[in-house]
């Protein structure tokens, strides 16, 4: 008969092996946007700029959307300014990409939730397949200036395509398509939440309220377009190049 001690050893070994084979990006330490990690990268970015006169960013093509334009280049920071890239960073197997916002002034370090990017990529894949088969996009209606709603049933979705919000734990944010084919996220739910729960007195009609999200969260509103408040309603700003 197998002893209790032997059983316990088998169970322990099984747990340890499960941990070894658990997908790297799913591990808890690689998912949490630890404030200490953000602060460490922020400090390293500031010191690098003081020493070198430039920001430690990776090059991006002209026309890269605003909140993806300045990714942190950890190769420039490690090991002199950081021991290693944060455990939750993409570079270290995590689900976040570290980016710099407001580069001309404070150069604040924020996060892109890459799980959102992957959901959008899956939606784009289905959309491209539909267009190849039908030679047109499954458009259901107009959502705003140069902005279209998608016929989700044509893509075999049971409900409107949406992604989990990085700004609020229960919000699902709808996906829309611009007339140029780009997929964007409608952040209206998140914007409304911050308008009601945070000090937004410095914002007026016509202001880009994505920056309200930015100043109250460690995340950036990726795949977004300017949104503002008009006559009490959250609307999209006219389409324009950022």
Protein backbone atom coordinates (compact mmCIF):
# COMPACT_ATOMS: atom_id res chain seq x y z
CA UNK A 1 0.00 0.00 0.00
CA UNK A 2 1.26 3.44 -0.87
CA UNK A 3 2.01 5.46 2.28
CA UNK A 4 0.40 8.82 3.02
CA UNK A 5 3.84 10.41 2.80
CA UNK A 6 4.34 9.00 -0.71
CA UNK A 7 0.93 10.28 -1.81
CA UNK A 8 1.72 13.73 -0.54
CA UNK A 9 5.02 13.73 -2.42
CA UNK A 10 3.25 12.71 -5.65
CA UNK A 11 0.66 15.47 -5.24
CA UNK A 12 3.38 18.05 -4.52
CA UNK A 13 5.37 17.00 -7.58
CA UNK A 14 2.25 17.22 -9.75
CA UNK A 15 1.54 20.76 -8.55
CA UNK A 16 5.12 21.85 -9.17
CA UNK A 17 5.14 20.37 -12.68
CA UNK A 18 1.83 22.06 -13.46
CA UNK A 19 3.40 25.35 -12.47
CA UNK A 20 6.36 24.71 -14.77
CA UNK A 21 4.16 24.00 -17.78
CA UNK A 22 1.61 26.73 -17.10
CA UNK A 23 1.70 29.21 -20.00
CA UNK A 24 4.15 31.98 -19.18
CA UNK A 25 1.72 34.82 -19.88
CA UNK A 26 -0.97 33.27 -17.66
CA UNK A 27 1.12 33.27 -14.49
CA UNK A 28 -0.20 35.68 -11.88
CA UNK A 29 3.08 37.56 -11.47
CA UNK A 30 3.05 38.34 -15.19
CA UNK A 31 -0.48 39.73 -15.23
CA UNK A 32 -0.76 42.24 -12.40
CA UNK A 33 0.07 45.88 -13.28
CA UNK A 34 2.15 46.30 -10.11
CA UNK A 35 2.55 49.92 -9.14
CA UNK A 36 6.10 49.23 -8.00
CA UNK A 37 7.02 47.97 -11.48
CA UNK A 38 5.53 51.05 -13.12
CA UNK A 39 7.38 53.31 -10.71
CA UNK A 40 10.67 51.49 -11.33
CA UNK A 41 10.33 51.88 -15.11
CA UNK A 42 9.22 55.51 -14.71
CA UNK A 43 12.31 56.28 -12.63
CA UNK A 44 14.58 54.50 -15.13
CA UNK A 45 13.06 56.40 -18.07
CA UNK A 46 13.56 59.77 -16.34
CA UNK A 47 17.17 58.97 -15.40
CA UNK A 48 17.94 57.73 -18.92
CA UNK A 49 16.61 60.97 -20.37
CA UNK A 50 18.66 63.05 -17.93
CA UNK A 51 21.81 61.12 -18.87
CA UNK A 52 21.26 60.90 -22.63
CA UNK A 53 18.91 63.74 -23.60
CA UNK A 54 16.50 61.36 -25.36
CA UNK A 55 13.87 58.83 -24.33
CA UNK A 56 14.55 55.07 -24.34
CA UNK A 57 11.95 54.26 -26.97
CA UNK A 58 11.80 51.76 -29.81
CA UNK A 59 11.40 53.19 -33.34
CA UNK A 60 7.90 53.26 -34.83
CA UNK A 61 6.66 53.94 -38.34
CA UNK A 62 5.23 57.32 -39.20
CA UNK A 63 1.49 57.33 -38.60
CA UNK A 64 1.60 54.96 -35.61
CA UNK A 65 -1.44 55.74 -33.40
CA UNK A 66 -0.77 58.17 -30.55
CA UNK A 67 -0.87 55.77 -27.61
CA UNK A 68 1.34 53.15 -29.32
CA UNK A 69 3.88 55.61 -30.67
CA UNK A 70 6.50 55.48 -27.88
CA UNK A 71 7.08 51.91 -26.58
CA UNK A 72 9.74 51.57 -23.91
CA UNK A 73 12.91 49.95 -25.29
CA UNK A 74 14.14 47.88 -22.35
CA UNK A 75 17.33 47.04 -24.20
CA UNK A 76 18.40 50.62 -23.49
CA UNK A 77 17.53 50.41 -19.80
CA UNK A 78 18.86 46.98 -18.82
CA UNK A 79 21.13 46.52 -16.93
CA UNK A 80 22.32 50.08 -16.24
CA UNK A 81 18.96 51.57 -15.25
CA UNK A 82 16.94 48.41 -14.50
CA UNK A 83 18.03 44.95 -13.42
CA UNK A 84 15.61 43.43 -15.92
CA UNK A 85 12.36 44.17 -17.75
CA UNK A 86 9.34 43.88 -15.41
CA UNK A 87 7.90 40.40 -14.96
CA UNK A 88 4.56 41.52 -16.37
CA UNK A 89 6.08 43.08 -19.49
CA UNK A 90 5.79 41.54 -22.95
CA UNK A 91 9.57 41.32 -23.09
CA UNK A 92 9.55 39.09 -20.00
CA UNK A 93 6.59 36.89 -20.96
CA UNK A 94 3.87 39.12 -19.50
CA UNK A 95 0.71 40.58 -20.99
CA UNK A 96 1.57 44.28 -20.85
CA UNK A 97 3.53 46.54 -23.15
CA UNK A 98 5.11 49.55 -21.46
CA UNK A 99 4.72 52.81 -23.38
CA UNK A 100 5.56 56.45 -22.81
CA UNK A 101 2.90 59.16 -22.97
CA UNK A 102 3.34 62.92 -22.92
CA UNK A 103 6.93 62.57 -24.19
CA UNK A 104 7.51 66.29 -24.68
CA UNK A 105 6.97 67.01 -20.97
CA UNK A 106 6.75 64.55 -18.06
CA UNK A 107 7.09 61.39 -20.17
CA UNK A 108 4.77 59.21 -18.10
CA UNK A 109 5.03 55.43 -18.32
CA UNK A 110 1.74 53.60 -18.93
CA UNK A 111 0.57 50.15 -20.03
CA UNK A 112 -1.09 48.55 -23.04
CA UNK A 113 -3.11 45.44 -22.18
CA UNK A 114 -2.04 43.02 -24.92
CA UNK A 115 -5.00 40.70 -24.31
CA UNK A 116 -7.17 43.48 -25.76
CA UNK A 117 -4.91 43.69 -28.82
CA UNK A 118 -5.20 39.95 -29.37
CA UNK A 119 -8.99 40.05 -29.18
CA UNK A 120 -9.02 42.79 -31.80
CA UNK A 121 -6.66 40.79 -34.01
CA UNK A 122 -9.04 37.82 -33.85
CA UNK A 123 -11.93 40.09 -34.83
CA UNK A 124 -9.87 41.49 -37.72
CA UNK A 125 -9.10 37.95 -38.88
CA UNK A 126 -12.81 37.12 -39.11
CA UNK A 127 -13.49 40.40 -40.85
CA UNK A 128 -10.77 39.79 -43.44
CA UNK A 129 -12.08 36.30 -44.13
CA UNK A 130 -15.58 37.71 -44.70
CA UNK A 131 -14.27 40.38 -47.06
CA UNK A 132 -12.29 37.82 -49.07
CA UNK A 133 -15.40 35.69 -49.50
CA UNK A 134 -17.89 38.50 -50.14
CA UNK A 135 -15.76 41.39 -51.49
CA UNK A 136 -17.37 43.86 -49.08
CA UNK A 137 -17.44 44.54 -45.35
CA UNK A 138 -20.41 43.44 -43.19
CA UNK A 139 -21.61 46.95 -42.32
CA UNK A 140 -24.77 47.33 -40.19
CA UNK A 141 -24.95 51.11 -39.94
CA UNK A 142 -23.21 54.43 -39.29
CA UNK A 143 -21.83 55.08 -35.80
CA UNK A 144 -20.30 58.51 -36.39
CA UNK A 145 -18.07 60.52 -38.69
CA UNK A 146 -16.28 57.95 -40.90
CA UNK A 147 -17.26 55.29 -38.34
CA UNK A 148 -19.29 52.14 -38.99
CA UNK A 149 -21.15 49.53 -36.97
CA UNK A 150 -20.46 45.91 -37.89
CA UNK A 151 -23.08 43.30 -38.77
CA UNK A 152 -21.87 40.88 -36.13
CA UNK A 153 -24.31 38.13 -37.13
CA UNK A 154 -22.70 38.02 -40.57
CA UNK A 155 -19.43 37.20 -38.78
CA UNK A 156 -21.12 34.48 -36.71
CA UNK A 157 -20.99 36.41 -33.44
CA UNK A 158 -23.94 35.99 -31.08
CA UNK A 159 -23.63 39.59 -29.90
CA UNK A 160 -21.82 42.78 -30.85
CA UNK A 161 -18.04 42.23 -30.76
CA UNK A 162 -16.53 43.78 -27.64
CA UNK A 163 -13.41 43.61 -25.48
CA UNK A 164 -12.88 43.68 -21.73
CA UNK A 165 -12.06 47.17 -20.52
CA UNK A 166 -8.65 47.67 -18.87
CA UNK A 167 -10.17 50.66 -17.04
CA UNK A 168 -13.16 49.03 -15.35
CA UNK A 169 -13.54 45.37 -14.26
CA UNK A 170 -17.12 44.88 -15.50
CA UNK A 171 -17.19 46.94 -18.69
CA UNK A 172 -17.31 45.36 -22.14
CA UNK A 173 -16.40 47.89 -24.82
CA UNK A 174 -17.86 47.65 -28.35
CA UNK A 175 -15.67 47.41 -31.44
CA UNK A 176 -16.34 49.70 -34.39
CA UNK A 177 -14.75 50.06 -37.82
CA UNK A 178 -13.52 53.24 -39.43
CA UNK A 179 -14.12 53.73 -43.13
CA UNK A 180 -10.39 53.15 -43.73
CA UNK A 181 -10.77 49.65 -42.25
CA UNK A 182 -9.14 50.33 -38.87
CA UNK A 183 -10.85 48.75 -35.84
CA UNK A 184 -11.34 51.00 -32.83
CA UNK A 185 -12.81 50.61 -29.36
CA UNK A 186 -15.73 52.69 -28.12
CA UNK A 187 -14.61 53.87 -24.66
CA UNK A 188 -17.89 55.66 -23.87
CA UNK A 189 -18.69 53.46 -20.84
CA UNK A 190 -15.29 54.10 -19.28
CA UNK A 191 -15.39 57.81 -20.02
CA UNK A 192 -18.85 58.11 -18.47
CA UNK A 193 -17.63 56.28 -15.36
CA UNK A 194 -14.72 58.67 -14.85
CA UNK A 195 -16.89 61.71 -15.55
CA UNK A 196 -19.19 60.60 -12.76
CA UNK A 197 -16.60 59.34 -10.27
CA UNK A 198 -13.48 61.47 -10.72
CA UNK A 199 -12.72 65.18 -10.87
CA UNK A 200 -13.25 66.12 -14.51
CA UNK A 201 -13.69 69.84 -13.91
CA UNK A 202 -10.73 70.72 -16.14
CA UNK A 203 -12.45 69.18 -19.19
CA UNK A 204 -14.90 71.04 -21.40
CA UNK A 205 -17.03 70.19 -24.41
CA UNK A 206 -14.77 69.50 -27.36
CA UNK A 207 -11.86 68.24 -25.23
CA UNK A 208 -10.51 64.78 -25.95
CA UNK A 209 -11.73 62.73 -22.99
CA UNK A 210 -9.33 59.88 -23.63
CA UNK A 211 -6.92 61.89 -21.53
CA UNK A 212 -9.35 61.67 -18.60
CA UNK A 213 -8.90 57.89 -18.78
CA UNK A 214 -5.17 58.31 -19.04
CA UNK A 215 -4.77 60.47 -15.96
CA UNK A 216 -6.86 58.15 -13.76
CA UNK A 217 -5.40 54.78 -14.77
CA UNK A 218 -2.10 53.01 -15.46
CA UNK A 219 -3.44 52.07 -18.91
CA UNK A 220 -3.72 53.84 -22.26
CA UNK A 221 -6.89 53.74 -24.42
CA UNK A 222 -5.39 51.70 -27.21
CA UNK A 223 -7.12 51.44 -30.63
CA UNK A 224 -9.10 54.57 -29.86
CA UNK A 225 -10.33 57.73 -31.51
CA UNK A 226 -10.93 61.05 -29.83
CA UNK A 227 -14.17 61.22 -27.84
CA UNK A 228 -15.76 64.21 -26.15
CA UNK A 229 -18.98 65.27 -24.49
CA UNK A 230 -21.55 67.25 -26.43
CA UNK A 231 -24.95 68.27 -25.06
CA UNK A 232 -24.50 65.75 -22.27
CA UNK A 233 -23.70 62.88 -24.67
CA UNK A 234 -20.35 61.22 -25.31
CA UNK A 235 -19.58 61.43 -29.02
CA UNK A 236 -16.64 60.80 -31.32
CA UNK A 237 -14.56 63.73 -32.45
CA UNK A 238 -14.28 64.20 -36.23
CA UNK A 239 -11.90 61.77 -37.88
CA UNK A 240 -8.43 63.21 -38.25
CA UNK A 241 -4.81 62.13 -38.26
CA UNK A 242 -3.28 62.13 -34.78
